[in-house]
C-alpha atoms as a PDB file:
ATOM      1  CA  UNK A   1      91.871  35.994  43.022  1.00  0.00           C
ATOM      2  CA  UNK A   2      92.159  38.195  39.933  1.00  0.00           C
ATOM      3  CA  UNK A   3      92.588  36.597  36.531  1.00  0.00           C
ATOM      4  CA  UNK A   4      95.808  38.551  35.972  1.00  0.00           C
ATOM      5  CA  UNK A   5      97.294  37.167  39.171  1.00  0.00           C
ATOM      6  CA  UNK A   6      96.197  33.667  38.213  1.00  0.00           C
ATOM      7  CA  UNK A   7      97.825  34.102  34.812  1.00  0.00           C
ATOM      8  CA  UNK A   8     101.042  35.327  36.383  1.00  0.00           C
ATOM      9  CA  UNK A   9     101.111  32.419  38.799  1.00  0.00           C
ATOM     10  CA  UNK A  10     100.450  29.977  35.995  1.00  0.00           C
ATOM     11  CA  UNK A  11     103.177  31.556  33.872  1.00  0.00           C
ATOM     12  CA  UNK A  12     105.669  31.398  36.711  1.00  0.00           C
ATOM     13  CA  UNK A  13     104.877  27.731  37.226  1.00  0.00           C
ATOM     14  CA  UNK A  14     105.246  26.910  33.567  1.00  0.00           C
ATOM     15  CA  UNK A  15     108.539  28.731  33.049  1.00  0.00           C
ATOM     16  CA  UNK A  16     110.331  28.380  36.355  1.00  0.00           C
ATOM     17  CA  UNK A  17     110.762  24.614  36.633  1.00  0.00           C
ATOM     18  CA  UNK A  18     111.856  23.053  39.880  1.00  0.00           C
ATOM     19  CA  UNK A  19     112.995  26.359  41.414  1.00  0.00           C
ATOM     20  CA  UNK A  20     109.348  27.100  42.207  1.00  0.00           C
ATOM     21  CA  UNK A  21     108.399  23.597  43.369  1.00  0.00           C
ATOM     22  CA  UNK A  22     107.244  24.923  46.741  1.00  0.00           C
ATOM     23  CA  UNK A  23     104.828  27.320  44.983  1.00  0.00           C
ATOM     24  CA  UNK A  24     103.147  24.601  42.889  1.00  0.00           C
ATOM     25  CA  UNK A  25     100.324  24.292  45.418  1.00  0.00           C
ATOM     26  CA  UNK A  26      99.556  28.019  45.156  1.00  0.00           C
ATOM     27  CA  UNK A  27      99.463  27.827  41.376  1.00  0.00           C
ATOM     28  CA  UNK A  28      97.266  24.723  41.469  1.00  0.00           C
ATOM     29  CA  UNK A  29      94.909  26.441  43.903  1.00  0.00           C
ATOM     30  CA  UNK A  30      94.723  29.522  41.668  1.00  0.00           C
ATOM     31  CA  UNK A  31      94.001  27.466  38.555  1.00  0.00           C
ATOM     32  CA  UNK A  32      91.456  25.330  40.395  1.00  0.00           C
ATOM     33  CA  UNK A  33      89.749  28.468  41.664  1.00  0.00           C
ATOM     34  CA  UNK A  34      89.529  29.798  38.135  1.00  0.00           C
ATOM     35  CA  UNK A  35      88.194  26.496  36.818  1.00  0.00           C
ATOM     36  CA  UNK A  36      85.550  26.357  39.561  1.00  0.00           C
ATOM     37  CA  UNK A  37      84.437  29.872  38.630  1.00  0.00           C
ATOM     38  CA  UNK A  38      84.364  29.379  34.857  1.00  0.00           C
ATOM     39  CA  UNK A  39      81.454  27.754  33.096  1.00  0.00           C
ATOM     40  CA  UNK A  40      82.793  25.121  30.670  1.00  0.00           C
ATOM     41  CA  UNK A  41      80.349  25.884  27.886  1.00  0.00           C
ATOM     42  CA  UNK A  42      81.058  29.615  27.892  1.00  0.00           C
ATOM     43  CA  UNK A  43      84.309  29.086  26.019  1.00  0.00           C
ATOM     44  CA  UNK A  44      82.940  26.681  23.381  1.00  0.00           C
ATOM     45  CA  UNK A  45      80.992  27.347  20.221  1.00  0.00           C
ATOM     46  CA  UNK A  46      79.905  25.016  17.438  1.00  0.00           C
ATOM     47  CA  UNK A  47      79.894  26.051  13.771  1.00  0.00           C
ATOM     48  CA  UNK A  48      76.126  25.687  13.624  1.00  0.00           C
ATOM     49  CA  UNK A  49      75.726  28.316  16.351  1.00  0.00           C
ATOM     50  CA  UNK A  50      77.179  31.052  14.132  1.00  0.00           C
ATOM     51  CA  UNK A  51      74.915  32.536  11.453  1.00  0.00           C
ATOM     52  CA  UNK A  52      76.785  33.135   8.178  1.00  0.00           C
ATOM     53  CA  UNK A  53      76.395  36.914   8.447  1.00  0.00           C
ATOM     54  CA  UNK A  54      77.998  36.968  11.927  1.00  0.00           C
ATOM     55  CA  UNK A  55      81.364  35.603  10.759  1.00  0.00           C
ATOM     56  CA  UNK A  56      82.346  39.088   9.532  1.00  0.00           C
ATOM     57  CA  UNK A  57      82.104  40.384  13.118  1.00  0.00           C
ATOM     58  CA  UNK A  58      84.387  37.741  14.627  1.00  0.00           C
ATOM     59  CA  UNK A  59      88.180  37.722  14.854  1.00  0.00           C
ATOM     60  CA  UNK A  60      89.025  34.197  13.690  1.00  0.00           C
ATOM     61  CA  UNK A  61      92.425  32.794  14.639  1.00  0.00           C
ATOM     62  CA  UNK A  62      93.808  29.633  13.075  1.00  0.00           C
ATOM     63  CA  UNK A  63      96.040  28.194  15.812  1.00  0.00           C
ATOM     64  CA  UNK A  64      97.727  25.596  13.596  1.00  0.00           C
ATOM     65  CA  UNK A  65     101.220  25.931  12.191  1.00  0.00           C
ATOM     66  CA  UNK A  66     101.957  28.112   9.159  1.00  0.00           C
ATOM     67  CA  UNK A  67     102.155  25.159   6.745  1.00  0.00           C
ATOM     68  CA  UNK A  68      98.684  23.920   7.688  1.00  0.00           C
ATOM     69  CA  UNK A  69      97.320  27.458   7.470  1.00  0.00           C
ATOM     70  CA  UNK A  70      98.847  27.899   3.993  1.00  0.00           C
ATOM     71  CA  UNK A  71      97.289  24.624   2.838  1.00  0.00           C
ATOM     72  CA  UNK A  72      93.767  25.590   3.961  1.00  0.00           C
ATOM     73  CA  UNK A  73      92.059  27.793   6.503  1.00  0.00           C
ATOM     74  CA  UNK A  74      88.730  29.407   7.242  1.00  0.00           C
ATOM     75  CA  UNK A  75      88.505  32.448   4.949  1.00  0.00           C
ATOM     76  CA  UNK A  76      89.265  35.635   6.860  1.00  0.00           C
ATOM     77  CA  UNK A  77      91.257  33.867   9.585  1.00  0.00           C
ATOM     78  CA  UNK A  78      94.654  35.041  10.754  1.00  0.00           C
ATOM     79  CA  UNK A  79      97.371  32.588  11.734  1.00  0.00           C
ATOM     80  CA  UNK A  80      98.881  32.577  15.218  1.00  0.00           C
ATOM     81  CA  UNK A  81     100.220  29.209  16.340  1.00  0.00           C
ATOM     82  CA  UNK A  82      98.421  28.055  19.512  1.00  0.00           C
ATOM     83  CA  UNK A  83     101.438  28.229  21.824  1.00  0.00           C
ATOM     84  CA  UNK A  84     102.241  31.807  20.707  1.00  0.00           C
ATOM     85  CA  UNK A  85      98.778  33.242  21.266  1.00  0.00           C
ATOM     86  CA  UNK A  86      99.320  34.380  24.902  1.00  0.00           C
ATOM     87  CA  UNK A  87     102.552  36.134  23.889  1.00  0.00           C
ATOM     88  CA  UNK A  88     100.731  37.948  21.084  1.00  0.00           C
ATOM     89  CA  UNK A  89      97.692  38.867  23.179  1.00  0.00           C
ATOM     90  CA  UNK A  90      98.184  42.583  22.463  1.00  0.00           C
ATOM     91  CA  UNK A  91      97.056  41.811  18.895  1.00  0.00           C
ATOM     92  CA  UNK A  92      93.840  40.170  20.091  1.00  0.00           C
ATOM     93  CA  UNK A  93      90.816  42.371  20.639  1.00  0.00           C
ATOM     94  CA  UNK A  94      88.671  42.252  23.750  1.00  0.00           C
ATOM     95  CA  UNK A  95      85.849  44.183  22.053  1.00  0.00           C
ATOM     96  CA  UNK A  96      84.282  41.382  19.994  1.00  0.00           C
ATOM     97  CA  UNK A  97      84.166  37.608  19.819  1.00  0.00           C
ATOM     98  CA  UNK A  98      87.454  35.886  19.115  1.00  0.00           C
ATOM     99  CA  UNK A  99      87.183  32.374  17.719  1.00  0.00           C
ATOM    100  CA  UNK A 100      90.259  30.143  17.911  1.00  0.00           C
ATOM    101  CA  UNK A 101      90.468  26.858  16.050  1.00  0.00           C
ATOM    102  CA  UNK A 102      92.921  24.105  15.163  1.00  0.00           C
ATOM    103  CA  UNK A 103      92.270  20.770  13.443  1.00  0.00           C
ATOM    104  CA  UNK A 104      90.014  19.233  16.077  1.00  0.00           C
ATOM    105  CA  UNK A 105      89.752  21.740  18.924  1.00  0.00           C
ATOM    106  CA  UNK A 106      92.258  20.316  21.401  1.00  0.00           C
ATOM    107  CA  UNK A 107      95.224  22.676  20.879  1.00  0.00           C
ATOM    108  CA  UNK A 108      93.002  25.704  20.424  1.00  0.00           C
ATOM    109  CA  UNK A 109      91.309  24.812  23.724  1.00  0.00           C
ATOM    110  CA  UNK A 110      94.661  25.183  25.471  1.00  0.00           C
ATOM    111  CA  UNK A 111      95.179  28.608  23.898  1.00  0.00           C
ATOM    112  CA  UNK A 112      91.667  29.692  24.891  1.00  0.00           C
ATOM    113  CA  UNK A 113      92.227  28.474  28.449  1.00  0.00           C
ATOM    114  CA  UNK A 114      95.427  30.524  28.690  1.00  0.00           C
ATOM    115  CA  UNK A 115      93.730  33.621  27.256  1.00  0.00           C
ATOM    116  CA  UNK A 116      90.811  33.232  29.654  1.00  0.00           C
ATOM    117  CA  UNK A 117      93.263  33.072  32.559  1.00  0.00           C
ATOM    118  CA  UNK A 118      94.815  36.288  31.219  1.00  0.00           C
ATOM    119  CA  UNK A 119      91.427  38.027  31.242  1.00  0.00           C
ATOM    120  CA  UNK A 120      90.112  37.600  27.678  1.00  0.00           C
ATOM    121  CA  UNK A 121      86.514  36.529  28.361  1.00  0.00           C
ATOM    122  CA  UNK A 122      85.588  36.964  24.692  1.00  0.00           C
ATOM    123  CA  UNK A 123      87.610  34.031  23.313  1.00  0.00           C
ATOM    124  CA  UNK A 124      85.970  30.787  22.268  1.00  0.00           C
ATOM    125  CA  UNK A 125      87.094  27.428  20.909  1.00  0.00           C
ATOM    126  CA  UNK A 126      85.535  26.378  17.624  1.00  0.00           C
ATOM    127  CA  UNK A 127      84.396  22.938  18.761  1.00  0.00           C
ATOM    128  CA  UNK A 128      85.683  20.177  16.458  1.00  0.00           C
ATOM    129  CA  UNK A 129      88.062  22.644  14.751  1.00  0.00           C
ATOM    130  CA  UNK A 130      88.357  23.187  11.030  1.00  0.00           C
ATOM    131  CA  UNK A 131      87.444  19.555  10.369  1.00  0.00           C
ATOM    132  CA  UNK A 132      84.105  19.970  12.137  1.00  0.00           C
ATOM    133  CA  UNK A 133      83.562  23.342  10.444  1.00  0.00           C
ATOM    134  CA  UNK A 134      84.049  21.752   7.015  1.00  0.00           C
ATOM    135  CA  UNK A 135      81.941  18.652   7.758  1.00  0.00           C
ATOM    136  CA  UNK A 136      79.046  20.779   9.056  1.00  0.00           C
ATOM    137  CA  UNK A 137      78.966  23.049   6.034  1.00  0.00           C
ATOM    138  CA  UNK A 138      81.418  25.859   6.792  1.00  0.00           C
ATOM    139  CA  UNK A 139      79.758  29.272   6.841  1.00  0.00           C
ATOM    140  CA  UNK A 140      76.428  27.574   6.016  1.00  0.00           C
ATOM    141  CA  UNK A 141      76.526  25.281   9.091  1.00  0.00           C
ATOM    142  CA  UNK A 142      73.991  27.417  10.950  1.00  0.00           C
ATOM    143  CA  UNK A 143      71.539  27.322   8.064  1.00  0.00           C
ATOM    144  CA  UNK A 144      72.015  23.579   7.575  1.00  0.00           C
ATOM    145  CA  UNK A 145      71.540  22.727  11.260  1.00  0.00           C
ATOM    146  CA  UNK A 146      68.302  20.860  11.822  1.00  0.00           C
ATOM    147  CA  UNK A 147      68.124  21.301  15.587  1.00  0.00           C
ATOM    148  CA  UNK A 148      69.527  23.327  18.417  1.00  0.00           C
ATOM    149  CA  UNK A 149      73.293  23.725  18.344  1.00  0.00           C
ATOM    150  CA  UNK A 150      75.409  22.530  21.202  1.00  0.00           C
ATOM    151  CA  UNK A 151      76.165  19.023  22.319  1.00  0.00           C
END
């Protein structure tokens, strides 16, 4: 089943409520089919996997709310709250890596999942979010890493 169709089915399920109760099985089957097809690790990246010079070639999206973004964010990031990312997908390139982060990675993972269902294969979750990015050395995480990245 095409990713666009899966996305449409998922969207209908999310926004239609009980009126579509009989179609829940079709949506579940579509999502399960997508999840069976997708490799889990392909949508994750750790800060230490990104060399400092590569950050300039990545669209970085801070998926937290505007107040958190104003307080601190990864330099160069744009702010699109996680639940608004699918609705603003026209602003998100498909030509280069897109890195989405939140505080820990859980909300950004939901946004990445939705974008993957909509056909954006280039989006990744920054594993452990901004907190992990800071604790691992920010842009220098790759240089500081002592072993292979990934967990």
